C-alpha atoms as a PDB file:
ATOM      1  CA  UNK A   1      16.576   5.779   3.153  1.00  0.00           C
ATOM      2  CA  UNK A   2      19.543   3.485   2.741  1.00  0.00           C
ATOM      3  CA  UNK A   3      19.218   1.692   6.081  1.00  0.00           C
ATOM      4  CA  UNK A   4      15.404   1.276   6.169  1.00  0.00           C
ATOM      5  CA  UNK A   5      14.345  -2.370   5.856  1.00  0.00           C
ATOM      6  CA  UNK A   6      11.040  -1.416   4.211  1.00  0.00           C
ATOM      7  CA  UNK A   7      12.794   0.809   1.656  1.00  0.00           C
ATOM      8  CA  UNK A   8      15.061  -2.148   0.872  1.00  0.00           C
ATOM      9  CA  UNK A   9      11.965  -4.327   0.374  1.00  0.00           C
ATOM     10  CA  UNK A  10      10.456  -1.707  -1.964  1.00  0.00           C
ATOM     11  CA  UNK A  11      13.729  -1.622  -3.968  1.00  0.00           C
ATOM     12  CA  UNK A  12      13.753  -5.443  -4.196  1.00  0.00           C
ATOM     13  CA  UNK A  13      16.958  -5.719  -2.180  1.00  0.00           C
ATOM     14  CA  UNK A  14      15.158  -7.841   0.426  1.00  0.00           C
ATOM     15  CA  UNK A  15      12.517 -10.360  -0.672  1.00  0.00           C
ATOM     16  CA  UNK A  16       8.963 -10.305   0.634  1.00  0.00           C
ATOM     17  CA  UNK A  17       5.730 -12.225   0.244  1.00  0.00           C
ATOM     18  CA  UNK A  18       3.650  -9.747  -1.769  1.00  0.00           C
ATOM     19  CA  UNK A  19      -0.077  -9.485  -1.252  1.00  0.00           C
ATOM     20  CA  UNK A  20      -0.722  -6.254  -3.192  1.00  0.00           C
ATOM     21  CA  UNK A  21       1.257  -3.672  -5.141  1.00  0.00           C
ATOM     22  CA  UNK A  22       0.532  -0.520  -7.105  1.00  0.00           C
ATOM     23  CA  UNK A  23       2.671   2.462  -8.114  1.00  0.00           C
ATOM     24  CA  UNK A  24       2.624   4.003  -4.628  1.00  0.00           C
ATOM     25  CA  UNK A  25       1.985   1.159  -2.154  1.00  0.00           C
ATOM     26  CA  UNK A  26       3.195  -2.311  -1.277  1.00  0.00           C
ATOM     27  CA  UNK A  27       1.493  -4.893   0.915  1.00  0.00           C
ATOM     28  CA  UNK A  28       3.272  -8.044   2.035  1.00  0.00           C
ATOM     29  CA  UNK A  29       3.027 -10.671   4.741  1.00  0.00           C
ATOM     30  CA  UNK A  30       4.500  -9.802   8.105  1.00  0.00           C
ATOM     31  CA  UNK A  31       7.299 -12.279   8.745  1.00  0.00           C
ATOM     32  CA  UNK A  32       5.875 -12.700  12.263  1.00  0.00           C
ATOM     33  CA  UNK A  33       2.257 -13.634  11.725  1.00  0.00           C
ATOM     34  CA  UNK A  34      -0.268 -12.579  14.416  1.00  0.00           C
ATOM     35  CA  UNK A  35      -2.697 -14.698  12.429  1.00  0.00           C
ATOM     36  CA  UNK A  36      -2.471 -16.448   9.087  1.00  0.00           C
ATOM     37  CA  UNK A  37      -2.523 -13.654   6.517  1.00  0.00           C
ATOM     38  CA  UNK A  38      -1.180 -10.874   8.786  1.00  0.00           C
ATOM     39  CA  UNK A  39      -0.184  -8.242   6.235  1.00  0.00           C
ATOM     40  CA  UNK A  40       1.835  -5.014   6.278  1.00  0.00           C
ATOM     41  CA  UNK A  41       0.858  -2.115   4.018  1.00  0.00           C
ATOM     42  CA  UNK A  42       3.477   0.564   3.368  1.00  0.00           C
ATOM     43  CA  UNK A  43       3.838   3.561   1.114  1.00  0.00           C
ATOM     44  CA  UNK A  44       6.709   3.112  -1.319  1.00  0.00           C
ATOM     45  CA  UNK A  45       8.003   6.555  -0.446  1.00  0.00           C
ATOM     46  CA  UNK A  46       9.822   6.729   2.882  1.00  0.00           C
ATOM     47  CA  UNK A  47       7.818   8.591   5.528  1.00  0.00           C
ATOM     48  CA  UNK A  48       7.871   8.039   9.282  1.00  0.00           C
ATOM     49  CA  UNK A  49       4.149   8.455   9.873  1.00  0.00           C
ATOM     50  CA  UNK A  50       0.769   9.030   8.293  1.00  0.00           C
ATOM     51  CA  UNK A  51       0.946  12.799   8.830  1.00  0.00           C
ATOM     52  CA  UNK A  52       3.912  13.074   6.473  1.00  0.00           C
ATOM     53  CA  UNK A  53       2.151  11.528   3.466  1.00  0.00           C
ATOM     54  CA  UNK A  54       1.494  13.772   0.482  1.00  0.00           C
ATOM     55  CA  UNK A  55      -1.575  11.664  -0.397  1.00  0.00           C
ATOM     56  CA  UNK A  56      -2.991  10.158   2.815  1.00  0.00           C
ATOM     57  CA  UNK A  57      -6.245   9.365   1.028  1.00  0.00           C
ATOM     58  CA  UNK A  58      -4.409   7.012  -1.364  1.00  0.00           C
ATOM     59  CA  UNK A  59      -3.125   4.669   1.329  1.00  0.00           C
ATOM     60  CA  UNK A  60      -6.507   4.788   3.088  1.00  0.00           C
ATOM     61  CA  UNK A  61      -8.167   3.567  -0.116  1.00  0.00           C
ATOM     62  CA  UNK A  62      -5.675   0.688  -0.403  1.00  0.00           C
ATOM     63  CA  UNK A  63      -6.126  -0.146   3.284  1.00  0.00           C
ATOM     64  CA  UNK A  64      -9.873  -0.409   2.721  1.00  0.00           C
ATOM     65  CA  UNK A  65      -9.385  -2.460  -0.465  1.00  0.00           C
ATOM     66  CA  UNK A  66      -7.225  -5.026   1.343  1.00  0.00           C
ATOM     67  CA  UNK A  67      -9.562  -5.127   4.350  1.00  0.00           C
ATOM     68  CA  UNK A  68     -12.578  -5.761   2.107  1.00  0.00           C
ATOM     69  CA  UNK A  69     -10.599  -8.426   0.268  1.00  0.00           C
ATOM     70  CA  UNK A  70      -9.949 -10.257   3.550  1.00  0.00           C
ATOM     71  CA  UNK A  71     -13.661 -10.034   4.366  1.00  0.00           C
ATOM     72  CA  UNK A  72     -14.438 -11.475   0.908  1.00  0.00           C
ATOM     73  CA  UNK A  73     -12.083 -14.354   1.717  1.00  0.00           C
ATOM     74  CA  UNK A  74     -14.312 -15.174   4.691  1.00  0.00           C
ATOM     75  CA  UNK A  75     -12.607 -13.479   7.626  1.00  0.00           C
ATOM     76  CA  UNK A  76     -15.040 -11.971  10.149  1.00  0.00           C
ATOM     77  CA  UNK A  77     -12.607  -9.347  11.417  1.00  0.00           C
ATOM     78  CA  UNK A  78      -9.632  -7.406  10.119  1.00  0.00           C
ATOM     79  CA  UNK A  79      -7.866  -5.625  12.964  1.00  0.00           C
ATOM     80  CA  UNK A  80      -5.747  -2.684  11.859  1.00  0.00           C
ATOM     81  CA  UNK A  81      -2.782  -1.174  13.690  1.00  0.00           C
ATOM     82  CA  UNK A  82      -0.560   1.699  12.539  1.00  0.00           C
ATOM     83  CA  UNK A  83       3.119   1.883  13.360  1.00  0.00           C
ATOM     84  CA  UNK A  84       6.209   3.809  12.391  1.00  0.00           C
ATOM     85  CA  UNK A  85       8.364   3.678  15.477  1.00  0.00           C
ATOM     86  CA  UNK A  86      10.161   0.319  15.685  1.00  0.00           C
ATOM     87  CA  UNK A  87      10.698   0.487  11.949  1.00  0.00           C
ATOM     88  CA  UNK A  88      10.747   4.196  11.158  1.00  0.00           C
ATOM     89  CA  UNK A  89       8.686   3.816   7.995  1.00  0.00           C
ATOM     90  CA  UNK A  90       4.918   4.150   8.122  1.00  0.00           C
ATOM     91  CA  UNK A  91       3.265   0.760   8.074  1.00  0.00           C
ATOM     92  CA  UNK A  92      -0.203  -0.567   8.706  1.00  0.00           C
ATOM     93  CA  UNK A  93      -0.782  -4.036  10.101  1.00  0.00           C
ATOM     94  CA  UNK A  94      -3.889  -5.784   8.778  1.00  0.00           C
ATOM     95  CA  UNK A  95      -4.649  -8.809  10.940  1.00  0.00           C
ATOM     96  CA  UNK A  96      -7.443 -10.978   9.518  1.00  0.00           C
ATOM     97  CA  UNK A  97      -9.140 -13.406  11.886  1.00  0.00           C
ATOM     98  CA  UNK A  98     -12.456 -14.955  12.836  1.00  0.00           C
ATOM     99  CA  UNK A  99     -12.349 -14.171  16.556  1.00  0.00           C
ATOM    100  CA  UNK A 100     -11.515 -17.755  17.389  1.00  0.00           C
ATOM    101  CA  UNK A 101      -7.809 -17.496  18.033  1.00  0.00           C
ATOM    102  CA  UNK A 102      -6.885 -19.078  21.348  1.00  0.00           C
ATOM    103  CA  UNK A 103      -4.447 -16.277  22.284  1.00  0.00           C
ATOM    104  CA  UNK A 104      -7.222 -13.674  22.011  1.00  0.00           C
ATOM    105  CA  UNK A 105      -9.463 -15.944  24.074  1.00  0.00           C
ATOM    106  CA  UNK A 106      -6.808 -16.026  26.813  1.00  0.00           C
ATOM    107  CA  UNK A 107      -7.203 -12.257  27.094  1.00  0.00           C
ATOM    108  CA  UNK A 108      -3.612 -11.364  26.288  1.00  0.00           C
ATOM    109  CA  UNK A 109      -2.878  -7.693  25.755  1.00  0.00           C
ATOM    110  CA  UNK A 110      -1.867  -6.518  22.287  1.00  0.00           C
ATOM    111  CA  UNK A 111       1.827  -6.451  23.211  1.00  0.00           C
ATOM    112  CA  UNK A 112       1.694  -9.915  24.804  1.00  0.00           C
ATOM    113  CA  UNK A 113      -0.133 -11.206  21.752  1.00  0.00           C
ATOM    114  CA  UNK A 114       2.498  -9.642  19.486  1.00  0.00           C
ATOM    115  CA  UNK A 115       5.232 -11.583  21.271  1.00  0.00           C
ATOM    116  CA  UNK A 116       3.240 -14.827  21.079  1.00  0.00           C
ATOM    117  CA  UNK A 117       2.946 -14.644  17.296  1.00  0.00           C
ATOM    118  CA  UNK A 118       3.086 -17.622  14.993  1.00  0.00           C
ATOM    119  CA  UNK A 119       6.145 -18.650  13.023  1.00  0.00           C
ATOM    120  CA  UNK A 120       5.815 -20.023   9.528  1.00  0.00           C
ATOM    121  CA  UNK A 121       8.465 -21.418   7.198  1.00  0.00           C
ATOM    122  CA  UNK A 122       9.311 -19.562   3.973  1.00  0.00           C
ATOM    123  CA  UNK A 123       7.371 -22.216   2.056  1.00  0.00           C
ATOM    124  CA  UNK A 124       4.303 -21.727   4.269  1.00  0.00           C
ATOM    125  CA  UNK A 125       4.532 -17.935   3.915  1.00  0.00           C
ATOM    126  CA  UNK A 126       4.658 -18.282   0.142  1.00  0.00           C
ATOM    127  CA  UNK A 127       1.492 -20.406   0.186  1.00  0.00           C
ATOM    128  CA  UNK A 128      -0.267 -17.981   2.543  1.00  0.00           C
ATOM    129  CA  UNK A 129       0.649 -15.054   0.275  1.00  0.00           C
ATOM    130  CA  UNK A 130      -0.810 -16.900  -2.703  1.00  0.00           C
ATOM    131  CA  UNK A 131      -4.017 -17.601  -0.743  1.00  0.00           C
ATOM    132  CA  UNK A 132      -4.603 -13.980   0.293  1.00  0.00           C
ATOM    133  CA  UNK A 133      -3.115 -12.104  -2.686  1.00  0.00           C
ATOM    134  CA  UNK A 134      -5.306  -9.535  -4.401  1.00  0.00           C
END
């Protein structure tokens, strides 16, 4: 789709901080980090939701690969959320953490936590991507 931000990222029209890429999938840092390493996984083909994928098993395998990679990096938890509404292109959020984030400890709801996310500079995001890249 011409106006989809994720399709533009796939085409290279908009830069991203890549964490993983294969022929069918792209994973990159979310510009608004829930936690350091918060990653988005998308199919390269434009679909609105998981149910529209021709190969749903393929993205599930990549999702597991990235989650295991975060665990190998020492994260205790990798929370996973699936979206396709605000940006109408299927995307999975992988949020690595150790359960010690102060916002979680305050008991904020998921939406409140989303709006209290961390902001990193482009230079910091580049370093984070290098740290967590597969």
